[in-house]
């Protein structure tokens, strides 16, 4: 499923809850269909903005041989290196420095992109100019765990979006051992990654764009047993998205497959596992309240063509199996998503 890169950008902005960043890049001006070009443009524009307002700096501890004494005198290292006859000492001192973790990630990511195969040449030029403007900052080995070490606060929270872009770029850049350059693996072709993104996008979209209370709810099985251990064996039921407002409740389950339907005997059928799951949610969340007895259920699939809506009713529950077309203008996507819960 090839979603236009312009719409992938909007999905990410909603999923990351970074709607204020949508204007960093005018995605409609990007002619490329390659996702790596989109991320390169975002980094280029974001870094230009960071350089104008000033990169973040911290006090960083240094240990050097210096003339005289500065900071904390390291006696043992001074004796060991025999620098006293030269009127020098080994000292440990703090300096206000740009060479801190989030700047190191930023510079390293730009450096990798400059060595990435098939990146648009004009974008490489943009990134190269930015790379040369960066102050002395070390490039580092980037592992997934390193992003958990970053500590953002009110004064440097503007780094959050650009670091998320760096993380997604680094997770999908792979070295070509034979040529020494990088290749970007387009994650939109990975169902599991896109399933997580699609769910987060839909959840945050309804949080931002509607007045529904949006949550992911745990539902208890309405099974009875004399044995507590038997009940503890039951699997957890956790909805993707539960929308609630006044006397209206909707359980919305997002699904991301290349093919939304199963084909049996040359006929398309709704995926039975998905339907059973939604049905279990609806039945087990029932109490004696009108809200739960009239709860709606929606299975929502992304599509790029051949949209569909199939509607059913079970007792008072309205059930819809439907798609949202992600291969259309963003404003149309927004309108269609709002119509679903109207």
C-alpha atoms as a PDB file:
ATOM      1  CA  UNK A   1       0.000   0.000   0.000  1.00  0.00           C
ATOM      2  CA  UNK A   2       1.765   3.124  -1.242  1.00  0.00           C
ATOM      3  CA  UNK A   3       0.496   6.149   0.677  1.00  0.00           C
ATOM      4  CA  UNK A   4       1.624   9.542  -0.716  1.00  0.00           C
ATOM      5  CA  UNK A   5       4.560  10.874   1.305  1.00  0.00           C
ATOM      6  CA  UNK A   6       2.685  14.117   1.935  1.00  0.00           C
ATOM      7  CA  UNK A   7       0.020  12.174   3.811  1.00  0.00           C
ATOM      8  CA  UNK A   8       2.592  10.039   5.653  1.00  0.00           C
ATOM      9  CA  UNK A   9       3.946  13.310   7.047  1.00  0.00           C
ATOM     10  CA  UNK A  10       0.515  14.298   8.362  1.00  0.00           C
ATOM     11  CA  UNK A  11       0.051  10.825   9.869  1.00  0.00           C
ATOM     12  CA  UNK A  12       3.340  11.224  11.739  1.00  0.00           C
ATOM     13  CA  UNK A  13       2.501  14.735  12.951  1.00  0.00           C
ATOM     14  CA  UNK A  14      -0.774  13.491  14.445  1.00  0.00           C
ATOM     15  CA  UNK A  15       0.680  10.230  15.779  1.00  0.00           C
ATOM     16  CA  UNK A  16       3.503  12.124  17.522  1.00  0.00           C
ATOM     17  CA  UNK A  17       1.090  14.842  18.680  1.00  0.00           C
ATOM     18  CA  UNK A  18       3.183  17.461  16.871  1.00  0.00           C
ATOM     19  CA  UNK A  19       0.598  19.333  14.830  1.00  0.00           C
ATOM     20  CA  UNK A  20       2.462  22.616  15.282  1.00  0.00           C
ATOM     21  CA  UNK A  21       5.244  21.117  13.150  1.00  0.00           C
ATOM     22  CA  UNK A  22       3.050  20.604  10.095  1.00  0.00           C
ATOM     23  CA  UNK A  23       4.190  23.918   8.645  1.00  0.00           C
ATOM     24  CA  UNK A  24       7.934  23.149   8.907  1.00  0.00           C
ATOM     25  CA  UNK A  25       7.686  21.748   5.402  1.00  0.00           C
ATOM     26  CA  UNK A  26       5.226  22.643   2.687  1.00  0.00           C
ATOM     27  CA  UNK A  27       4.753  19.010   1.679  1.00  0.00           C
ATOM     28  CA  UNK A  28       2.871  19.963  -1.459  1.00  0.00           C
ATOM     29  CA  UNK A  29       6.092  21.466  -2.852  1.00  0.00           C
ATOM     30  CA  UNK A  30       7.945  18.143  -2.638  1.00  0.00           C
ATOM     31  CA  UNK A  31       7.936  16.496  -6.053  1.00  0.00           C
ATOM     32  CA  UNK A  32       9.621  13.312  -4.903  1.00  0.00           C
ATOM     33  CA  UNK A  33       7.703  10.176  -4.004  1.00  0.00           C
ATOM     34  CA  UNK A  34      10.564   8.900  -1.816  1.00  0.00           C
ATOM     35  CA  UNK A  35      10.036   9.007   1.936  1.00  0.00           C
ATOM     36  CA  UNK A  36      13.736   9.610   2.620  1.00  0.00           C
ATOM     37  CA  UNK A  37      13.522  12.860   0.618  1.00  0.00           C
ATOM     38  CA  UNK A  38      10.661  13.988   2.841  1.00  0.00           C
ATOM     39  CA  UNK A  39      12.657  13.311   6.016  1.00  0.00           C
ATOM     40  CA  UNK A  40      15.725  15.016   4.556  1.00  0.00           C
ATOM     41  CA  UNK A  41      13.646  18.114   3.799  1.00  0.00           C
ATOM     42  CA  UNK A  42      12.172  18.113   7.314  1.00  0.00           C
ATOM     43  CA  UNK A  43      15.672  17.866   8.833  1.00  0.00           C
ATOM     44  CA  UNK A  44      16.977  20.586   6.558  1.00  0.00           C
ATOM     45  CA  UNK A  45      14.201  23.013   7.467  1.00  0.00           C
ATOM     46  CA  UNK A  46      14.223  22.114  11.169  1.00  0.00           C
ATOM     47  CA  UNK A  47      18.020  22.485  11.449  1.00  0.00           C
ATOM     48  CA  UNK A  48      17.945  25.833   9.683  1.00  0.00           C
ATOM     49  CA  UNK A  49      15.444  27.018  12.250  1.00  0.00           C
ATOM     50  CA  UNK A  50      17.535  25.625  15.135  1.00  0.00           C
ATOM     51  CA  UNK A  51      20.671  27.360  13.881  1.00  0.00           C
ATOM     52  CA  UNK A  52      18.824  30.694  13.679  1.00  0.00           C
ATOM     53  CA  UNK A  53      17.500  30.485  17.250  1.00  0.00           C
ATOM     54  CA  UNK A  54      20.686  28.900  18.593  1.00  0.00           C
ATOM     55  CA  UNK A  55      21.598  25.294  19.270  1.00  0.00           C
ATOM     56  CA  UNK A  56      21.216  23.953  22.775  1.00  0.00           C
ATOM     57  CA  UNK A  57      24.290  23.915  25.059  1.00  0.00           C
ATOM     58  CA  UNK A  58      25.100  22.321  28.403  1.00  0.00           C
ATOM     59  CA  UNK A  59      28.031  22.382  30.776  1.00  0.00           C
ATOM     60  CA  UNK A  60      30.155  19.422  29.701  1.00  0.00           C
ATOM     61  CA  UNK A  61      32.939  17.988  31.846  1.00  0.00           C
ATOM     62  CA  UNK A  62      36.411  18.062  30.276  1.00  0.00           C
ATOM     63  CA  UNK A  63      39.743  16.671  31.496  1.00  0.00           C
ATOM     64  CA  UNK A  64      42.750  18.257  29.794  1.00  0.00           C
ATOM     65  CA  UNK A  65      46.377  19.251  30.247  1.00  0.00           C
ATOM     66  CA  UNK A  66      46.371  23.038  30.637  1.00  0.00           C
ATOM     67  CA  UNK A  67      48.632  25.890  31.700  1.00  0.00           C
ATOM     68  CA  UNK A  68      48.057  26.689  35.370  1.00  0.00           C
ATOM     69  CA  UNK A  69      44.971  25.376  37.193  1.00  0.00           C
ATOM     70  CA  UNK A  70      41.343  25.446  36.146  1.00  0.00           C
ATOM     71  CA  UNK A  71      38.449  23.756  37.880  1.00  0.00           C
ATOM     72  CA  UNK A  72      39.433  20.637  39.827  1.00  0.00           C
ATOM     73  CA  UNK A  73      43.146  19.785  39.956  1.00  0.00           C
ATOM     74  CA  UNK A  74      43.804  16.089  39.165  1.00  0.00           C
ATOM     75  CA  UNK A  75      46.983  15.503  41.187  1.00  0.00           C
ATOM     76  CA  UNK A  76      47.563  11.827  40.336  1.00  0.00           C
ATOM     77  CA  UNK A  77      47.096  12.343  36.563  1.00  0.00           C
ATOM     78  CA  UNK A  78      49.408  15.388  36.670  1.00  0.00           C
ATOM     79  CA  UNK A  79      52.186  13.389  38.360  1.00  0.00           C
ATOM     80  CA  UNK A  80      51.651  10.392  36.072  1.00  0.00           C
ATOM     81  CA  UNK A  81      51.917  12.502  32.915  1.00  0.00           C
ATOM     82  CA  UNK A  82      54.892  14.486  34.321  1.00  0.00           C
ATOM     83  CA  UNK A  83      53.661  17.858  33.068  1.00  0.00           C
ATOM     84  CA  UNK A  84      54.523  19.976  36.154  1.00  0.00           C
ATOM     85  CA  UNK A  85      58.043  20.783  34.859  1.00  0.00           C
ATOM     86  CA  UNK A  86      56.285  22.428  31.891  1.00  0.00           C
ATOM     87  CA  UNK A  87      54.142  24.565  34.261  1.00  0.00           C
ATOM     88  CA  UNK A  88      51.101  22.515  33.225  1.00  0.00           C
ATOM     89  CA  UNK A  89      48.538  20.482  35.141  1.00  0.00           C
ATOM     90  CA  UNK A  90      45.778  17.994  34.422  1.00  0.00           C
ATOM     91  CA  UNK A  91      42.474  19.557  35.445  1.00  0.00           C
ATOM     92  CA  UNK A  92      38.801  18.608  35.330  1.00  0.00           C
ATOM     93  CA  UNK A  93      36.512  21.519  34.505  1.00  0.00           C
ATOM     94  CA  UNK A  94      33.083  22.276  33.022  1.00  0.00           C
ATOM     95  CA  UNK A  95      32.640  24.164  29.781  1.00  0.00           C
ATOM     96  CA  UNK A  96      29.477  25.467  28.132  1.00  0.00           C
ATOM     97  CA  UNK A  97      29.517  23.218  25.061  1.00  0.00           C
ATOM     98  CA  UNK A  98      27.440  22.295  21.992  1.00  0.00           C
ATOM     99  CA  UNK A  99      28.864  18.764  22.054  1.00  0.00           C
ATOM    100  CA  UNK A 100      25.863  17.207  23.823  1.00  0.00           C
ATOM    101  CA  UNK A 101      23.792  14.121  23.018  1.00  0.00           C
ATOM    102  CA  UNK A 102      20.885  15.600  21.060  1.00  0.00           C
ATOM    103  CA  UNK A 103      23.234  17.712  18.906  1.00  0.00           C
ATOM    104  CA  UNK A 104      25.425  14.640  18.346  1.00  0.00           C
ATOM    105  CA  UNK A 105      22.384  12.648  17.143  1.00  0.00           C
ATOM    106  CA  UNK A 106      21.419  15.492  14.835  1.00  0.00           C
ATOM    107  CA  UNK A 107      24.870  15.854  13.271  1.00  0.00           C
ATOM    108  CA  UNK A 108      25.353  12.080  12.941  1.00  0.00           C
ATOM    109  CA  UNK A 109      21.979  11.681  11.213  1.00  0.00           C
ATOM    110  CA  UNK A 110      22.757  14.452   8.732  1.00  0.00           C
ATOM    111  CA  UNK A 111      26.148  12.842   8.095  1.00  0.00           C
ATOM    112  CA  UNK A 112      24.458   9.524   7.330  1.00  0.00           C
ATOM    113  CA  UNK A 113      21.970  11.159   4.971  1.00  0.00           C
ATOM    114  CA  UNK A 114      24.844  12.735   3.055  1.00  0.00           C
ATOM    115  CA  UNK A 115      26.067   9.177   2.434  1.00  0.00           C
ATOM    116  CA  UNK A 116      22.634   7.787   1.559  1.00  0.00           C
ATOM    117  CA  UNK A 117      22.033   6.260  -1.844  1.00  0.00           C
ATOM    118  CA  UNK A 118      19.365   7.861  -4.074  1.00  0.00           C
ATOM    119  CA  UNK A 119      18.819  10.933  -1.887  1.00  0.00           C
ATOM    120  CA  UNK A 120      17.790  13.899  -4.025  1.00  0.00           C
ATOM    121  CA  UNK A 121      20.924  15.867  -5.009  1.00  0.00           C
ATOM    122  CA  UNK A 122      19.445  19.291  -4.173  1.00  0.00           C
ATOM    123  CA  UNK A 123      18.525  18.034  -0.703  1.00  0.00           C
ATOM    124  CA  UNK A 124      22.067  16.722  -0.255  1.00  0.00           C
ATOM    125  CA  UNK A 125      23.356  20.193  -1.076  1.00  0.00           C
ATOM    126  CA  UNK A 126      21.012  21.743   1.504  1.00  0.00           C
ATOM    127  CA  UNK A 127      22.091  19.280   4.191  1.00  0.00           C
ATOM    128  CA  UNK A 128      25.782  19.703   3.335  1.00  0.00           C
ATOM    129  CA  UNK A 129      25.533  23.477   3.864  1.00  0.00           C
ATOM    130  CA  UNK A 130      23.864  22.923   7.232  1.00  0.00           C
ATOM    131  CA  UNK A 131      26.466  20.307   8.189  1.00  0.00           C
ATOM    132  CA  UNK A 132      29.265  22.849   7.564  1.00  0.00           C
ATOM    133  CA  UNK A 133      27.490  25.467   9.709  1.00  0.00           C
ATOM    134  CA  UNK A 134      27.288  23.178  12.738  1.00  0.00           C
ATOM    135  CA  UNK A 135      29.814  23.933  15.518  1.00  0.00           C
ATOM    136  CA  UNK A 136      32.349  21.263  16.589  1.00  0.00           C
ATOM    137  CA  UNK A 137      30.116  18.323  17.544  1.00  0.00           C
ATOM    138  CA  UNK A 138      31.166  14.669  17.667  1.00  0.00           C
ATOM    139  CA  UNK A 139      29.479  12.054  15.505  1.00  0.00           C
ATOM    140  CA  UNK A 140      28.481   8.980  17.490  1.00  0.00           C
ATOM    141  CA  UNK A 141      27.238   5.422  17.053  1.00  0.00           C
ATOM    142  CA  UNK A 142      23.444   5.601  17.183  1.00  0.00           C
ATOM    143  CA  UNK A 143      21.566   2.717  18.725  1.00  0.00           C
ATOM    144  CA  UNK A 144      17.859   2.589  19.448  1.00  0.00           C
ATOM    145  CA  UNK A 145      18.430   2.792  23.214  1.00  0.00           C
ATOM    146  CA  UNK A 146      20.271   6.103  22.929  1.00  0.00           C
ATOM    147  CA  UNK A 147      17.031   8.000  22.336  1.00  0.00           C
ATOM    148  CA  UNK A 148      15.851   6.985  25.815  1.00  0.00           C
ATOM    149  CA  UNK A 149      18.840   8.825  27.301  1.00  0.00           C
ATOM    150  CA  UNK A 150      17.750  12.215  25.979  1.00  0.00           C
ATOM    151  CA  UNK A 151      16.400  14.576  28.619  1.00  0.00           C
ATOM    152  CA  UNK A 152      14.203  17.322  27.206  1.00  0.00           C
ATOM    153  CA  UNK A 153      12.706  20.139  29.262  1.00  0.00           C
ATOM    154  CA  UNK A 154      10.848  23.379  28.715  1.00  0.00           C
ATOM    155  CA  UNK A 155      13.881  25.223  27.350  1.00  0.00           C
ATOM    156  CA  UNK A 156      14.866  22.617  24.740  1.00  0.00           C
ATOM    157  CA  UNK A 157      11.570  20.867  23.994  1.00  0.00           C
ATOM    158  CA  UNK A 158      11.689  22.298  20.463  1.00  0.00           C
ATOM    159  CA  UNK A 159      14.154  19.452  19.740  1.00  0.00           C
ATOM    160  CA  UNK A 160      11.481  16.799  20.311  1.00  0.00           C
ATOM    161  CA  UNK A 161      10.065  16.658  16.770  1.00  0.00           C
ATOM    162  CA  UNK A 162      13.419  16.732  14.992  1.00  0.00           C
ATOM    163  CA  UNK A 163      14.747  13.963  17.262  1.00  0.00           C
ATOM    164  CA  UNK A 164      11.707  11.823  16.437  1.00  0.00           C
ATOM    165  CA  UNK A 165      12.552  12.293  12.754  1.00  0.00           C
ATOM    166  CA  UNK A 166      16.186  11.358  13.483  1.00  0.00           C
ATOM    167  CA  UNK A 167      15.018   8.221  15.286  1.00  0.00           C
ATOM    168  CA  UNK A 168      12.798   7.022  12.464  1.00  0.00           C
ATOM    169  CA  UNK A 169      15.544   7.753   9.909  1.00  0.00           C
ATOM    170  CA  UNK A 170      18.182   5.846  11.905  1.00  0.00           C
ATOM    171  CA  UNK A 171      15.880   2.879  12.472  1.00  0.00           C
ATOM    172  CA  UNK A 172      15.479   2.451   8.711  1.00  0.00           C
ATOM    173  CA  UNK A 173      18.942   3.303   7.387  1.00  0.00           C
ATOM    174  CA  UNK A 174      21.140   0.309   6.615  1.00  0.00           C
ATOM    175  CA  UNK A 175      24.775   0.299   5.564  1.00  0.00           C
ATOM    176  CA  UNK A 176      25.719  -1.139   2.197  1.00  0.00           C
ATOM    177  CA  UNK A 177      28.928  -2.948   3.167  1.00  0.00           C
ATOM    178  CA  UNK A 178      30.179  -3.222  -0.418  1.00  0.00           C
ATOM    179  CA  UNK A 179      29.859   0.491  -1.229  1.00  0.00           C
ATOM    180  CA  UNK A 180      30.106   2.093   2.212  1.00  0.00           C
ATOM    181  CA  UNK A 181      26.931   4.161   1.805  1.00  0.00           C
ATOM    182  CA  UNK A 182      23.459   3.907   3.329  1.00  0.00           C
ATOM    183  CA  UNK A 183      20.152   2.728   1.956  1.00  0.00           C
ATOM    184  CA  UNK A 184      16.776   3.726   3.392  1.00  0.00           C
ATOM    185  CA  UNK A 185      14.227   0.962   3.861  1.00  0.00           C
ATOM    186  CA  UNK A 186      10.753   2.443   3.344  1.00  0.00           C
ATOM    187  CA  UNK A 187       8.803   1.516   6.491  1.00  0.00           C
ATOM    188  CA  UNK A 188       5.447   2.147   4.761  1.00  0.00           C
ATOM    189  CA  UNK A 189       5.903  -1.313   3.265  1.00  0.00           C
ATOM    190  CA  UNK A 190       6.121  -2.868   6.739  1.00  0.00           C
ATOM    191  CA  UNK A 191       2.654  -3.842   7.907  1.00  0.00           C
ATOM    192  CA  UNK A 192       3.474  -3.978  11.626  1.00  0.00           C
ATOM    193  CA  UNK A 193       5.133  -0.552  11.660  1.00  0.00           C
ATOM    194  CA  UNK A 194       2.319   1.006   9.668  1.00  0.00           C
ATOM    195  CA  UNK A 195      -0.327  -0.667  11.842  1.00  0.00           C
ATOM    196  CA  UNK A 196       1.153   1.053  14.913  1.00  0.00           C
ATOM    197  CA  UNK A 197       1.375   4.372  13.084  1.00  0.00           C
ATOM    198  CA  UNK A 198      -2.178   4.138  11.711  1.00  0.00           C
ATOM    199  CA  UNK A 199      -3.626   3.359  15.151  1.00  0.00           C
ATOM    200  CA  UNK A 200      -1.719   6.216  16.836  1.00  0.00           C
ATOM    201  CA  UNK A 201      -2.745   8.596  14.048  1.00  0.00           C
ATOM    202  CA  UNK A 202      -6.467   7.789  14.292  1.00  0.00           C
ATOM    203  CA  UNK A 203      -6.438   7.954  18.104  1.00  0.00           C
ATOM    204  CA  UNK A 204      -4.716  11.340  18.256  1.00  0.00           C
ATOM    205  CA  UNK A 205      -6.763  12.696  15.348  1.00  0.00           C
ATOM    206  CA  UNK A 206      -9.972  12.207  17.302  1.00  0.00           C
ATOM    207  CA  UNK A 207      -8.347  13.605  20.462  1.00  0.00           C
ATOM    208  CA  UNK A 208      -7.388  16.789  18.643  1.00  0.00           C
ATOM    209  CA  UNK A 209     -10.185  17.275  16.129  1.00  0.00           C
ATOM    210  CA  UNK A 210     -13.290  16.289  18.162  1.00  0.00           C
ATOM    211  CA  UNK A 211     -14.763  16.787  21.615  1.00  0.00           C
ATOM    212  CA  UNK A 212     -14.950  13.040  22.274  1.00  0.00           C
ATOM    213  CA  UNK A 213     -13.211  11.577  25.291  1.00  0.00           C
ATOM    214  CA  UNK A 214     -10.630   9.266  23.670  1.00  0.00           C
ATOM    215  CA  UNK A 215      -9.039   6.323  25.445  1.00  0.00           C
ATOM    216  CA  UNK A 216      -7.887   2.723  25.131  1.00  0.00           C
ATOM    217  CA  UNK A 217     -10.133   0.728  27.463  1.00  0.00           C
ATOM    218  CA  UNK A 218      -9.667  -2.581  29.197  1.00  0.00           C
ATOM    219  CA  UNK A 219     -12.811  -4.734  28.996  1.00  0.00           C
ATOM    220  CA  UNK A 220     -13.533  -7.530  31.451  1.00  0.00           C
ATOM    221  CA  UNK A 221     -14.889 -10.834  30.238  1.00  0.00           C
ATOM    222  CA  UNK A 222     -18.417 -11.529  31.444  1.00  0.00           C
ATOM    223  CA  UNK A 223     -17.482 -15.112  32.248  1.00  0.00           C
ATOM    224  CA  UNK A 224     -18.177 -16.654  35.637  1.00  0.00           C
ATOM    225  CA  UNK A 225     -16.067 -19.255  37.421  1.00  0.00           C
ATOM    226  CA  UNK A 226     -15.797 -20.686  40.920  1.00  0.00           C
ATOM    227  CA  UNK A 227     -12.045 -20.811  40.469  1.00  0.00           C
ATOM    228  CA  UNK A 228     -10.188 -17.477  40.594  1.00  0.00           C
ATOM    229  CA  UNK A 229      -7.190 -19.001  38.809  1.00  0.00           C
ATOM    230  CA  UNK A 230      -9.405 -19.885  35.847  1.00  0.00           C
ATOM    231  CA  UNK A 231     -10.496 -16.253  35.510  1.00  0.00           C
ATOM    232  CA  UNK A 232      -6.869 -15.135  35.654  1.00  0.00           C
ATOM    233  CA  UNK A 233      -6.181 -17.299  32.596  1.00  0.00           C
ATOM    234  CA  UNK A 234      -8.477 -15.179  30.422  1.00  0.00           C
ATOM    235  CA  UNK A 235      -6.647 -12.979  27.889  1.00  0.00           C
ATOM    236  CA  UNK A 236      -6.723  -9.206  28.190  1.00  0.00           C
ATOM    237  CA  UNK A 237      -9.244  -7.310  26.087  1.00  0.00           C
ATOM    238  CA  UNK A 238      -7.913  -3.838  25.277  1.00  0.00           C
ATOM    239  CA  UNK A 239      -9.585  -1.639  22.699  1.00  0.00           C
ATOM    240  CA  UNK A 240      -7.519   0.326  20.208  1.00  0.00           C
ATOM    241  CA  UNK A 241      -9.719   3.397  20.566  1.00  0.00           C
ATOM    242  CA  UNK A 242     -12.830   4.080  22.624  1.00  0.00           C
ATOM    243  CA  UNK A 243     -14.710   7.307  21.902  1.00  0.00           C
ATOM    244  CA  UNK A 244     -17.270   8.608  24.359  1.00  0.00           C
ATOM    245  CA  UNK A 245     -19.387  11.749  24.501  1.00  0.00           C
ATOM    246  CA  UNK A 246     -22.660  12.177  26.335  1.00  0.00           C
ATOM    247  CA  UNK A 247     -24.808   9.141  25.557  1.00  0.00           C
ATOM    248  CA  UNK A 248     -22.667   8.101  22.567  1.00  0.00           C
ATOM    249  CA  UNK A 249     -19.971   5.416  22.776  1.00  0.00           C
ATOM    250  CA  UNK A 250     -17.921   4.013  19.885  1.00  0.00           C
ATOM    251  CA  UNK A 251     -15.357   1.228  19.984  1.00  0.00           C
ATOM    252  CA  UNK A 252     -13.077   1.740  16.995  1.00  0.00           C
ATOM    253  CA  UNK A 253     -10.534  -0.907  16.070  1.00  0.00           C
ATOM    254  CA  UNK A 254      -7.929   0.000  13.445  1.00  0.00           C
ATOM    255  CA  UNK A 255      -6.547  -2.652  11.101  1.00  0.00           C
ATOM    256  CA  UNK A 256      -3.734  -2.330   8.594  1.00  0.00           C
ATOM    257  CA  UNK A 257      -3.463  -4.979   5.888  1.00  0.00           C
ATOM    258  CA  UNK A 258      -2.512  -4.944   2.235  1.00  0.00           C
ATOM    259  CA  UNK A 259      -5.793  -6.787   1.673  1.00  0.00           C
ATOM    260  CA  UNK A 260      -8.658  -5.876   3.984  1.00  0.00           C
ATOM    261  CA  UNK A 261     -10.736  -8.931   3.086  1.00  0.00           C
ATOM    262  CA  UNK A 262     -10.138 -12.662   2.993  1.00  0.00           C
ATOM    263  CA  UNK A 263     -10.795 -14.469  -0.276  1.00  0.00           C
ATOM    264  CA  UNK A 264     -12.545 -17.818  -0.033  1.00  0.00           C
ATOM    265  CA  UNK A 265     -13.891 -19.742  -2.991  1.00  0.00           C
ATOM    266  CA  UNK A 266     -13.289 -16.660  -5.173  1.00  0.00           C
ATOM    267  CA  UNK A 267     -15.479 -14.531  -2.913  1.00  0.00           C
ATOM    268  CA  UNK A 268     -14.337 -11.765  -0.598  1.00  0.00           C
ATOM    269  CA  UNK A 269     -15.275 -12.084   3.053  1.00  0.00           C
ATOM    270  CA  UNK A 270     -14.741  -9.872   6.103  1.00  0.00           C
ATOM    271  CA  UNK A 271     -11.767 -11.032   8.161  1.00  0.00           C
ATOM    272  CA  UNK A 272     -13.414 -13.327  10.708  1.00  0.00           C
ATOM    273  CA  UNK A 273     -10.823 -12.795  13.472  1.00  0.00           C
ATOM    274  CA  UNK A 274     -11.265  -9.030  13.293  1.00  0.00           C
ATOM    275  CA  UNK A 275     -15.045  -9.310  13.396  1.00  0.00           C
ATOM    276  CA  UNK A 276     -15.007 -11.789  16.303  1.00  0.00           C
ATOM    277  CA  UNK A 277     -12.708  -9.434  18.210  1.00  0.00           C
ATOM    278  CA  UNK A 278     -14.967  -6.412  17.739  1.00  0.00           C
ATOM    279  CA  UNK A 279     -18.050  -8.473  18.599  1.00  0.00           C
ATOM    280  CA  UNK A 280     -16.396  -9.654  21.828  1.00  0.00           C
ATOM    281  CA  UNK A 281     -15.640  -6.062  22.784  1.00  0.00           C
ATOM    282  CA  UNK A 282     -19.232  -4.986  22.212  1.00  0.00           C
ATOM    283  CA  UNK A 283     -20.810  -7.880  24.141  1.00  0.00           C
ATOM    284  CA  UNK A 284     -18.435  -7.925  27.088  1.00  0.00           C
ATOM    285  CA  UNK A 285     -18.561  -4.170  27.681  1.00  0.00           C
ATOM    286  CA  UNK A 286     -22.338  -4.325  28.103  1.00  0.00           C
ATOM    287  CA  UNK A 287     -23.838  -3.303  31.420  1.00  0.00           C
ATOM    288  CA  UNK A 288     -27.399  -2.281  32.153  1.00  0.00           C
ATOM    289  CA  UNK A 289     -26.725   1.270  30.963  1.00  0.00           C
ATOM    290  CA  UNK A 290     -28.129   2.675  27.743  1.00  0.00           C
ATOM    291  CA  UNK A 291     -24.615   3.877  26.841  1.00  0.00           C
ATOM    292  CA  UNK A 292     -23.126   0.370  26.677  1.00  0.00           C
ATOM    293  CA  UNK A 293     -26.205  -1.305  25.202  1.00  0.00           C
ATOM    294  CA  UNK A 294     -26.171   1.161  22.288  1.00  0.00           C
ATOM    295  CA  UNK A 295     -22.380   1.164  21.825  1.00  0.00           C
ATOM    296  CA  UNK A 296     -21.251   1.276  18.194  1.00  0.00           C
ATOM    297  CA  UNK A 297     -18.430  -0.810  16.769  1.00  0.00           C
ATOM    298  CA  UNK A 298     -16.180   0.152  13.843  1.00  0.00           C
ATOM    299  CA  UNK A 299     -13.426  -1.787  12.074  1.00  0.00           C
ATOM    300  CA  UNK A 300     -11.425   0.865  10.209  1.00  0.00           C
ATOM    301  CA  UNK A 301      -9.011  -0.070   7.421  1.00  0.00           C
ATOM    302  CA  UNK A 302      -6.807   2.257   5.352  1.00  0.00           C
ATOM    303  CA  UNK A 303      -7.165   2.165   1.593  1.00  0.00           C
ATOM    304  CA  UNK A 304      -5.720   3.895  -1.446  1.00  0.00           C
ATOM    305  CA  UNK A 305      -8.560   2.881  -3.762  1.00  0.00           C
ATOM    306  CA  UNK A 306     -11.752   0.792  -3.739  1.00  0.00           C
ATOM    307  CA  UNK A 307     -13.284   2.336  -0.617  1.00  0.00           C
ATOM    308  CA  UNK A 308     -15.962   0.353   1.180  1.00  0.00           C
ATOM    309  CA  UNK A 309     -18.556   0.558   3.943  1.00  0.00           C
ATOM    310  CA  UNK A 310     -20.474  -2.480   5.205  1.00  0.00           C
ATOM    311  CA  UNK A 311     -23.101  -1.848   7.880  1.00  0.00           C
ATOM    312  CA  UNK A 312     -24.793  -4.293  10.230  1.00  0.00           C
ATOM    313  CA  UNK A 313     -26.865  -4.269  13.364  1.00  0.00           C
ATOM    314  CA  UNK A 314     -26.854  -6.688  16.275  1.00  0.00           C
ATOM    315  CA  UNK A 315     -29.496  -5.929  18.894  1.00  0.00           C
ATOM    316  CA  UNK A 316     -28.888  -2.193  19.516  1.00  0.00           C
ATOM    317  CA  UNK A 317     -25.275  -2.225  18.348  1.00  0.00           C
ATOM    318  CA  UNK A 318     -24.505  -0.600  15.033  1.00  0.00           C
ATOM    319  CA  UNK A 319     -21.450  -2.239  13.428  1.00  0.00           C
ATOM    320  CA  UNK A 320     -19.515  -0.854  10.473  1.00  0.00           C
ATOM    321  CA  UNK A 321     -16.606  -2.331   8.554  1.00  0.00           C
ATOM    322  CA  UNK A 322     -15.174   0.511   6.510  1.00  0.00           C
ATOM    323  CA  UNK A 323     -12.129   2.187   4.985  1.00  0.00           C
ATOM    324  CA  UNK A 324     -10.515   5.605   5.003  1.00  0.00           C
ATOM    325  CA  UNK A 325      -8.843   6.569   1.746  1.00  0.00           C
ATOM    326  CA  UNK A 326      -5.297   7.796   2.465  1.00  0.00           C
ATOM    327  CA  UNK A 327      -4.616   8.467  -1.212  1.00  0.00           C
ATOM    328  CA  UNK A 328      -6.500  11.747  -1.408  1.00  0.00           C
ATOM    329  CA  UNK A 329      -6.088  15.374  -0.439  1.00  0.00           C
ATOM    330  CA  UNK A 330      -5.430  15.789   3.275  1.00  0.00           C
ATOM    331  CA  UNK A 331      -8.488  17.983   3.855  1.00  0.00           C
ATOM    332  CA  UNK A 332     -10.675  15.265   2.324  1.00  0.00           C
ATOM    333  CA  UNK A 333      -9.135  12.674   4.681  1.00  0.00           C
ATOM    334  CA  UNK A 334      -9.908  14.963   7.617  1.00  0.00           C
ATOM    335  CA  UNK A 335     -13.511  15.466   6.470  1.00  0.00           C
ATOM    336  CA  UNK A 336     -14.056  11.730   5.962  1.00  0.00           C
ATOM    337  CA  UNK A 337     -12.674  10.853   9.415  1.00  0.00           C
ATOM    338  CA  UNK A 338     -14.999  13.391  11.041  1.00  0.00           C
ATOM    339  CA  UNK A 339     -17.984  11.996   9.124  1.00  0.00           C
ATOM    340  CA  UNK A 340     -17.311   8.513  10.523  1.00  0.00           C
ATOM    341  CA  UNK A 341     -18.114   9.645  14.075  1.00  0.00           C
ATOM    342  CA  UNK A 342     -20.621  12.384  13.239  1.00  0.00           C
END
